[in-house]
Amino acid sequence: MMRNREQTLGNLIDHQKIAYLSYLDGEGYPITKAMLMTKEREGIKTFYFSTNTSSNKVARFRENPKASVYFADRRFYRGVSFLGAIEVLEDQETKTRFWEKGDERYYPLGVTDPDYCILKFTAAKGRYFSNGSEDFTC
């Protein structure tokens, strides 16, 4: 059992460069995409990612917000999976808040690019894997 869930999982998450985001396609099949690491996190409950508004995943999230995010520490063969929901945020205040130098390579029109949005993932529950597994609620 984790002694300090927030610290243990936060440390695991903060040391990853890639997160894996899963959603259901239009036929109900799961799709998993590697995402650049979260733009920001609020504890171990809320994570923010940037993506293209025109992407298939955004279209799917508009229909069904259920999602899973997985962070894997390959070096120590441990990870944490979260189940929750995605909100697609397109307001200028949020886009500006998360904009970083270098993002123009993905969104060439800059921070106002209509093809730039933020995904806000809010976890409901999760499972930690490390020498066994442990379920938890967020």
N, C-alpha and C. Protein backbone atom coordinates (compact mmCIF):
# COMPACT_ATOMS: atom_id res chain seq x y z
N MET A 1 0.84 -1.18 0.00
CA MET A 1 0.00 0.00 0.00
C MET A 1 0.88 1.24 0.00
N MET A 2 0.48 2.23 -0.78
CA MET A 2 1.24 3.48 -0.85
C MET A 2 1.11 4.24 0.46
N ARG A 3 2.23 4.74 0.94
CA ARG A 3 2.19 5.54 2.18
C ARG A 3 1.62 6.93 1.92
N ASN A 4 2.08 7.55 0.84
CA ASN A 4 1.61 8.88 0.48
C ASN A 4 1.27 8.86 -1.01
N ARG A 5 0.01 8.59 -1.34
CA ARG A 5 -0.43 8.42 -2.72
C ARG A 5 -0.08 9.63 -3.58
N GLU A 6 -0.41 10.82 -3.10
CA GLU A 6 -0.18 12.05 -3.88
C GLU A 6 1.31 12.20 -4.22
N GLN A 7 2.17 11.96 -3.27
CA GLN A 7 3.61 12.11 -3.49
C GLN A 7 4.15 11.00 -4.39
N THR A 8 3.79 9.76 -4.11
CA THR A 8 4.28 8.63 -4.90
C THR A 8 3.87 8.75 -6.36
N LEU A 9 2.58 8.99 -6.59
CA LEU A 9 2.09 9.07 -7.97
C LEU A 9 2.54 10.36 -8.65
N GLY A 10 2.54 11.46 -7.92
CA GLY A 10 3.00 12.73 -8.49
C GLY A 10 4.44 12.63 -8.96
N ASN A 11 5.28 11.98 -8.18
CA ASN A 11 6.68 11.81 -8.55
C ASN A 11 6.81 10.94 -9.79
N LEU A 12 6.05 9.86 -9.86
CA LEU A 12 6.06 8.99 -11.04
C LEU A 12 5.65 9.80 -12.29
N ILE A 13 4.55 10.52 -12.17
CA ILE A 13 4.00 11.29 -13.30
C ILE A 13 4.99 12.35 -13.77
N ASP A 14 5.56 13.09 -12.83
CA ASP A 14 6.43 14.21 -13.17
C ASP A 14 7.72 13.79 -13.87
N HIS A 15 8.09 12.53 -13.80
CA HIS A 15 9.32 12.06 -14.43
C HIS A 15 9.09 11.42 -15.80
N GLN A 16 7.88 11.51 -16.32
CA GLN A 16 7.58 10.92 -17.63
C GLN A 16 7.54 12.00 -18.70
N LYS A 17 7.90 11.61 -19.91
CA LYS A 17 7.84 12.53 -21.05
C LYS A 17 6.61 12.28 -21.91
N ILE A 18 6.03 11.10 -21.75
CA ILE A 18 4.88 10.69 -22.55
C ILE A 18 3.77 10.20 -21.63
N ALA A 19 2.54 10.53 -21.96
CA ALA A 19 1.36 9.98 -21.30
C ALA A 19 0.56 9.27 -22.38
N TYR A 20 -0.18 8.25 -22.00
CA TYR A 20 -0.99 7.50 -22.96
C TYR A 20 -2.45 7.78 -22.66
N LEU A 21 -3.13 8.35 -23.65
CA LEU A 21 -4.53 8.75 -23.52
C LEU A 21 -5.39 7.80 -24.35
N SER A 22 -6.40 7.22 -23.72
CA SER A 22 -7.29 6.28 -24.41
C SER A 22 -8.71 6.80 -24.45
N TYR A 23 -9.38 6.48 -25.54
CA TYR A 23 -10.77 6.88 -25.76
C TYR A 23 -11.43 5.84 -26.65
N LEU A 24 -12.73 5.95 -26.85
CA LEU A 24 -13.45 5.01 -27.70
C LEU A 24 -13.71 5.64 -29.07
N ASP A 25 -13.48 4.85 -30.12
CA ASP A 25 -13.76 5.36 -31.45
C ASP A 25 -15.27 5.32 -31.72
N GLY A 26 -15.68 5.70 -32.90
CA GLY A 26 -17.10 5.75 -33.24
C GLY A 26 -17.81 4.41 -33.21
N GLU A 27 -17.05 3.31 -33.27
CA GLU A 27 -17.63 1.96 -33.23
C GLU A 27 -17.49 1.32 -31.85
N GLY A 28 -16.95 2.07 -30.89
CA GLY A 28 -16.81 1.56 -29.54
C GLY A 28 -15.51 0.84 -29.24
N TYR A 29 -14.56 0.87 -30.18
CA TYR A 29 -13.26 0.24 -29.96
C TYR A 29 -12.32 1.21 -29.26
N PRO A 30 -11.50 0.70 -28.34
CA PRO A 30 -10.55 1.60 -27.66
C PRO A 30 -9.39 1.99 -28.57
N ILE A 31 -9.00 3.24 -28.47
CA ILE A 31 -7.86 3.79 -29.19
C ILE A 31 -6.94 4.41 -28.13
N THR A 32 -5.64 4.16 -28.23
CA THR A 32 -4.68 4.75 -27.31
C THR A 32 -3.69 5.58 -28.10
N LYS A 33 -3.45 6.79 -27.64
CA LYS A 33 -2.53 7.72 -28.30
C LYS A 33 -1.46 8.15 -27.30
N ALA A 34 -0.22 8.20 -27.76
CA ALA A 34 0.84 8.78 -26.95
C ALA A 34 0.71 10.30 -27.04
N MET A 35 0.76 10.94 -25.90
CA MET A 35 0.63 12.40 -25.84
C MET A 35 1.90 12.96 -25.20
N LEU A 36 2.31 14.14 -25.67
CA LEU A 36 3.39 14.82 -24.97
C LEU A 36 2.94 15.06 -23.55
N MET A 37 3.86 15.05 -22.65
CA MET A 37 3.54 15.14 -21.24
C MET A 37 2.58 16.27 -20.93
N THR A 38 1.85 16.06 -19.88
CA THR A 38 0.83 17.00 -19.44
C THR A 38 1.39 18.42 -19.32
N LYS A 39 0.60 19.38 -19.74
CA LYS A 39 0.98 20.78 -19.64
C LYS A 39 1.01 21.21 -18.18
N GLU A 40 0.15 20.62 -17.40
CA GLU A 40 0.06 20.97 -15.99
C GLU A 40 -0.80 19.90 -15.33
N ARG A 41 -0.64 19.75 -14.04
CA ARG A 41 -1.53 18.86 -13.31
C ARG A 41 -1.94 19.53 -12.02
N GLU A 42 -3.11 19.14 -11.55
CA GLU A 42 -3.61 19.60 -10.26
C GLU A 42 -3.70 18.35 -9.39
N GLY A 43 -2.68 18.16 -8.55
CA GLY A 43 -2.61 16.95 -7.75
C GLY A 43 -2.52 15.74 -8.66
N ILE A 44 -3.27 14.71 -8.28
CA ILE A 44 -3.31 13.50 -9.12
C ILE A 44 -4.73 13.29 -9.64
N LYS A 45 -5.47 14.38 -9.78
CA LYS A 45 -6.86 14.29 -10.22
C LYS A 45 -7.10 14.95 -11.57
N THR A 46 -6.41 16.04 -11.86
CA THR A 46 -6.68 16.82 -13.07
C THR A 46 -5.39 17.03 -13.86
N PHE A 47 -5.46 16.70 -15.15
CA PHE A 47 -4.30 16.83 -16.04
C PHE A 47 -4.73 17.59 -17.30
N TYR A 48 -3.83 18.38 -17.85
CA TYR A 48 -4.10 19.18 -19.04
C TYR A 48 -3.12 18.79 -20.15
N PHE A 49 -3.66 18.60 -21.35
CA PHE A 49 -2.86 18.28 -22.53
C PHE A 49 -3.27 19.21 -23.66
N SER A 50 -2.34 19.52 -24.54
CA SER A 50 -2.70 20.27 -25.74
C SER A 50 -2.82 19.30 -26.91
N THR A 51 -3.70 19.64 -27.85
CA THR A 51 -3.86 18.80 -29.03
C THR A 51 -4.51 19.61 -30.14
N ASN A 52 -4.64 18.98 -31.29
CA ASN A 52 -5.29 19.62 -32.43
C ASN A 52 -6.80 19.47 -32.33
N THR A 53 -7.49 20.57 -32.45
CA THR A 53 -8.96 20.56 -32.40
C THR A 53 -9.53 19.66 -33.48
N SER A 54 -8.84 19.55 -34.60
CA SER A 54 -9.32 18.76 -35.74
C SER A 54 -9.03 17.26 -35.58
N SER A 55 -8.41 16.85 -34.48
CA SER A 55 -8.04 15.44 -34.32
C SER A 55 -9.26 14.55 -34.09
N ASN A 56 -9.09 13.27 -34.42
CA ASN A 56 -10.16 12.30 -34.19
C ASN A 56 -10.53 12.21 -32.72
N LYS A 57 -9.54 12.29 -31.84
CA LYS A 57 -9.85 12.15 -30.41
C LYS A 57 -10.74 13.28 -29.91
N VAL A 58 -10.54 14.48 -30.39
CA VAL A 58 -11.40 15.60 -29.97
C VAL A 58 -12.83 15.35 -30.45
N ALA A 59 -12.99 14.88 -31.67
CA ALA A 59 -14.34 14.55 -32.18
C ALA A 59 -14.99 13.49 -31.30
N ARG A 60 -14.23 12.48 -30.91
CA ARG A 60 -14.77 11.42 -30.06
C ARG A 60 -15.11 11.93 -28.66
N PHE A 61 -14.24 12.78 -28.09
CA PHE A 61 -14.50 13.31 -26.76
C PHE A 61 -15.74 14.20 -26.73
N ARG A 62 -16.03 14.83 -27.84
CA ARG A 62 -17.25 15.65 -27.90
C ARG A 62 -18.49 14.76 -27.82
N GLU A 63 -18.38 13.53 -28.30
CA GLU A 63 -19.49 12.56 -28.27
C GLU A 63 -19.53 11.75 -26.97
N ASN A 64 -18.34 11.40 -26.47
CA ASN A 64 -18.23 10.55 -25.28
C ASN A 64 -16.98 10.99 -24.50
N PRO A 65 -17.15 11.66 -23.40
CA PRO A 65 -16.00 12.21 -22.68
C PRO A 65 -15.21 11.19 -21.85
N LYS A 66 -15.66 9.93 -21.77
CA LYS A 66 -14.94 8.94 -20.96
C LYS A 66 -13.55 8.70 -21.55
N ALA A 67 -12.56 8.62 -20.64
CA ALA A 67 -11.18 8.48 -21.07
C ALA A 67 -10.36 7.78 -20.00
N SER A 68 -9.17 7.38 -20.41
CA SER A 68 -8.19 6.81 -19.50
C SER A 68 -6.85 7.45 -19.82
N VAL A 69 -6.07 7.71 -18.78
CA VAL A 69 -4.71 8.23 -18.95
C VAL A 69 -3.78 7.30 -18.19
N TYR A 70 -2.69 6.90 -18.85
CA TYR A 70 -1.73 5.99 -18.24
C TYR A 70 -0.34 6.62 -18.28
N PHE A 71 0.33 6.57 -17.15
CA PHE A 71 1.71 7.04 -17.04
C PHE A 71 2.57 5.82 -16.68
N ALA A 72 3.60 5.55 -17.47
CA ALA A 72 4.42 4.36 -17.28
C ALA A 72 5.87 4.74 -16.97
N ASP A 73 6.40 4.15 -15.94
CA ASP A 73 7.82 4.28 -15.60
C ASP A 73 8.47 2.97 -16.04
N ARG A 74 8.98 2.96 -17.25
CA ARG A 74 9.54 1.73 -17.84
C ARG A 74 10.77 1.26 -17.09
N ARG A 75 11.52 2.17 -16.54
CA ARG A 75 12.76 1.80 -15.84
C ARG A 75 12.49 0.87 -14.65
N PHE A 76 11.45 1.15 -13.90
CA PHE A 76 11.13 0.35 -12.72
C PHE A 76 9.89 -0.51 -12.90
N TYR A 77 9.38 -0.58 -14.13
CA TYR A 77 8.21 -1.37 -14.48
C TYR A 77 7.06 -1.11 -13.50
N ARG A 78 6.65 0.14 -13.46
CA ARG A 78 5.51 0.54 -12.65
C ARG A 78 4.74 1.59 -13.41
N GLY A 79 3.50 1.81 -13.02
CA GLY A 79 2.71 2.81 -13.71
C GLY A 79 1.43 3.08 -12.96
N VAL A 80 0.71 4.07 -13.47
CA VAL A 80 -0.57 4.41 -12.87
C VAL A 80 -1.55 4.72 -13.99
N SER A 81 -2.74 4.15 -13.86
CA SER A 81 -3.82 4.33 -14.82
C SER A 81 -4.95 5.08 -14.13
N PHE A 82 -5.47 6.08 -14.81
CA PHE A 82 -6.59 6.86 -14.29
C PHE A 82 -7.78 6.71 -15.23
N LEU A 83 -8.97 6.60 -14.68
CA LEU A 83 -10.22 6.62 -15.45
C LEU A 83 -10.97 7.88 -15.09
N GLY A 84 -11.53 8.53 -16.10
CA GLY A 84 -12.25 9.77 -15.85
C GLY A 84 -12.88 10.31 -17.10
N ALA A 85 -12.94 11.63 -17.19
CA ALA A 85 -13.60 12.30 -18.32
C ALA A 85 -12.76 13.46 -18.83
N ILE A 86 -12.93 13.74 -20.10
CA ILE A 86 -12.22 14.82 -20.79
C ILE A 86 -13.19 15.96 -21.11
N GLU A 87 -12.72 17.18 -20.91
CA GLU A 87 -13.40 18.38 -21.41
C GLU A 87 -12.50 18.99 -22.47
N VAL A 88 -13.08 19.41 -23.58
CA VAL A 88 -12.33 20.09 -24.64
C VAL A 88 -12.46 21.58 -24.38
N LEU A 89 -11.34 22.25 -24.08
CA LEU A 89 -11.34 23.67 -23.76
C LEU A 89 -10.77 24.46 -24.92
N GLU A 90 -11.55 25.41 -25.41
CA GLU A 90 -11.12 26.21 -26.56
C GLU A 90 -11.15 27.71 -26.30
N ASP A 91 -11.45 28.11 -25.06
CA ASP A 91 -11.50 29.54 -24.77
C ASP A 91 -10.08 30.12 -24.80
N GLN A 92 -9.97 31.37 -25.19
CA GLN A 92 -8.66 32.00 -25.38
C GLN A 92 -7.88 32.10 -24.07
N GLU A 93 -8.55 32.32 -22.97
CA GLU A 93 -7.85 32.43 -21.68
C GLU A 93 -7.11 31.13 -21.35
N THR A 94 -7.78 30.01 -21.53
CA THR A 94 -7.15 28.72 -21.25
C THR A 94 -6.03 28.44 -22.24
N LYS A 95 -6.26 28.71 -23.52
CA LYS A 95 -5.23 28.47 -24.52
C LYS A 95 -3.98 29.29 -24.23
N THR A 96 -4.16 30.54 -23.83
CA THR A 96 -3.03 31.41 -23.51
C THR A 96 -2.30 30.91 -22.26
N ARG A 97 -3.05 30.47 -21.28
CA ARG A 97 -2.47 29.97 -20.03
C ARG A 97 -1.49 28.82 -20.28
N PHE A 98 -1.82 27.94 -21.22
CA PHE A 98 -1.00 26.75 -21.44
C PHE A 98 -0.03 26.86 -22.61
N TRP A 99 -0.07 27.96 -23.34
CA TRP A 99 0.81 28.12 -24.49
C TRP A 99 2.26 28.18 -24.03
N GLU A 100 3.13 27.47 -24.74
CA GLU A 100 4.56 27.47 -24.44
C GLU A 100 5.36 27.74 -25.70
N LYS A 101 6.53 28.31 -25.51
CA LYS A 101 7.43 28.52 -26.64
C LYS A 101 7.69 27.17 -27.29
N GLY A 102 7.61 27.11 -28.59
CA GLY A 102 7.80 25.86 -29.32
C GLY A 102 6.49 25.24 -29.77
N ASP A 103 5.37 25.64 -29.16
CA ASP A 103 4.07 25.08 -29.54
C ASP A 103 3.69 25.43 -30.98
N GLU A 104 4.31 26.46 -31.52
CA GLU A 104 3.98 26.86 -32.89
C GLU A 104 4.35 25.78 -33.91
N ARG A 105 5.21 24.84 -33.54
CA ARG A 105 5.53 23.76 -34.48
C ARG A 105 4.32 22.86 -34.70
N TYR A 106 3.41 22.81 -33.70
CA TYR A 106 2.18 22.02 -33.82
C TYR A 106 0.98 22.88 -34.23
N TYR A 107 1.05 24.15 -33.86
CA TYR A 107 -0.06 25.09 -34.10
C TYR A 107 0.54 26.32 -34.76
N PRO A 108 0.76 26.28 -36.09
CA PRO A 108 1.52 27.33 -36.77
C PRO A 108 0.90 28.73 -36.72
N LEU A 109 -0.39 28.83 -36.43
CA LEU A 109 -1.01 30.15 -36.35
C LEU A 109 -0.87 30.77 -34.97
N GLY A 110 -0.17 30.07 -34.08
CA GLY A 110 0.09 30.61 -32.75
C GLY A 110 -1.02 30.31 -31.77
N VAL A 111 -1.01 31.06 -30.67
CA VAL A 111 -1.92 30.81 -29.56
C VAL A 111 -3.40 30.98 -29.94
N THR A 112 -3.67 31.71 -31.01
CA THR A 112 -5.06 31.88 -31.46
C THR A 112 -5.46 30.87 -32.54
N ASP A 113 -4.57 29.96 -32.87
CA ASP A 113 -4.84 28.95 -33.89
C ASP A 113 -6.13 28.19 -33.55
N PRO A 114 -7.11 28.19 -34.45
CA PRO A 114 -8.35 27.46 -34.17
C PRO A 114 -8.15 25.94 -34.07
N ASP A 115 -6.99 25.46 -34.53
CA ASP A 115 -6.71 24.02 -34.45
C ASP A 115 -5.94 23.67 -33.17
N TYR A 116 -5.89 24.60 -32.23
CA TYR A 116 -5.21 24.39 -30.94
C TYR A 116 -6.26 24.40 -29.84
N CYS A 117 -6.25 23.34 -29.02
CA CYS A 117 -7.15 23.29 -27.87
C CYS A 117 -6.46 22.58 -26.72
N ILE A 118 -7.09 22.64 -25.58
CA ILE A 118 -6.59 22.00 -24.36
C ILE A 118 -7.58 20.93 -23.95
N LEU A 119 -7.06 19.76 -23.62
CA LEU A 119 -7.89 18.69 -23.07
C LEU A 119 -7.70 18.70 -21.56
N LYS A 120 -8.79 18.80 -20.84
CA LYS A 120 -8.75 18.75 -19.37
C LYS A 120 -9.30 17.39 -18.96
N PHE A 121 -8.43 16.57 -18.40
CA PHE A 121 -8.82 15.24 -17.92
C PHE A 121 -9.01 15.31 -16.41
N THR A 122 -10.18 14.85 -15.96
CA THR A 122 -10.47 14.79 -14.53
C THR A 122 -10.69 13.33 -14.15
N ALA A 123 -9.82 12.84 -13.27
CA ALA A 123 -9.87 11.44 -12.85
C ALA A 123 -10.94 11.20 -11.79
N ALA A 124 -11.57 10.04 -11.87
CA ALA A 124 -12.52 9.59 -10.86
C ALA A 124 -11.90 8.50 -9.99
N LYS A 125 -11.08 7.66 -10.64
CA LYS A 125 -10.44 6.57 -9.91
C LYS A 125 -9.20 6.14 -10.67
N GLY A 126 -8.42 5.25 -10.04
CA GLY A 126 -7.20 4.82 -10.69
C GLY A 126 -6.69 3.51 -10.14
N ARG A 127 -5.60 3.06 -10.74
CA ARG A 127 -4.93 1.83 -10.31
C ARG A 127 -3.43 2.04 -10.47
N TYR A 128 -2.71 1.78 -9.40
CA TYR A 128 -1.26 1.88 -9.37
C TYR A 128 -0.68 0.48 -9.51
N PHE A 129 0.33 0.33 -10.37
CA PHE A 129 0.98 -0.95 -10.60
C PHE A 129 2.45 -0.87 -10.20
N SER A 130 2.85 -1.66 -9.20
CA SER A 130 4.24 -1.75 -8.78
C SER A 130 4.35 -2.91 -7.80
N ASN A 131 4.87 -4.04 -8.26
CA ASN A 131 4.93 -5.24 -7.42
C ASN A 131 3.53 -5.56 -6.89
N GLY A 132 2.59 -5.64 -7.77
CA GLY A 132 1.19 -5.82 -7.40
C GLY A 132 0.44 -4.57 -7.83
N SER A 133 -0.83 -4.52 -7.52
CA SER A 133 -1.61 -3.35 -7.92
C SER A 133 -2.46 -2.89 -6.76
N GLU A 134 -2.85 -1.63 -6.84
CA GLU A 134 -3.65 -1.00 -5.80
C GLU A 134 -4.66 -0.07 -6.46
N ASP A 135 -5.94 -0.28 -6.21
CA ASP A 135 -7.00 0.60 -6.71
C ASP A 135 -7.20 1.74 -5.73
N PHE A 136 -7.64 2.88 -6.27
CA PHE A 136 -7.92 4.04 -5.42
C PHE A 136 -8.95 4.93 -6.10
N THR A 137 -9.60 5.77 -5.32
CA THR A 137 -10.51 6.78 -5.86
C THR A 137 -9.81 8.14 -5.74
N CYS A 138 -10.15 9.02 -6.64
CA CYS A 138 -9.52 10.34 -6.66
C CYS A 138 -10.36 11.37 -5.91
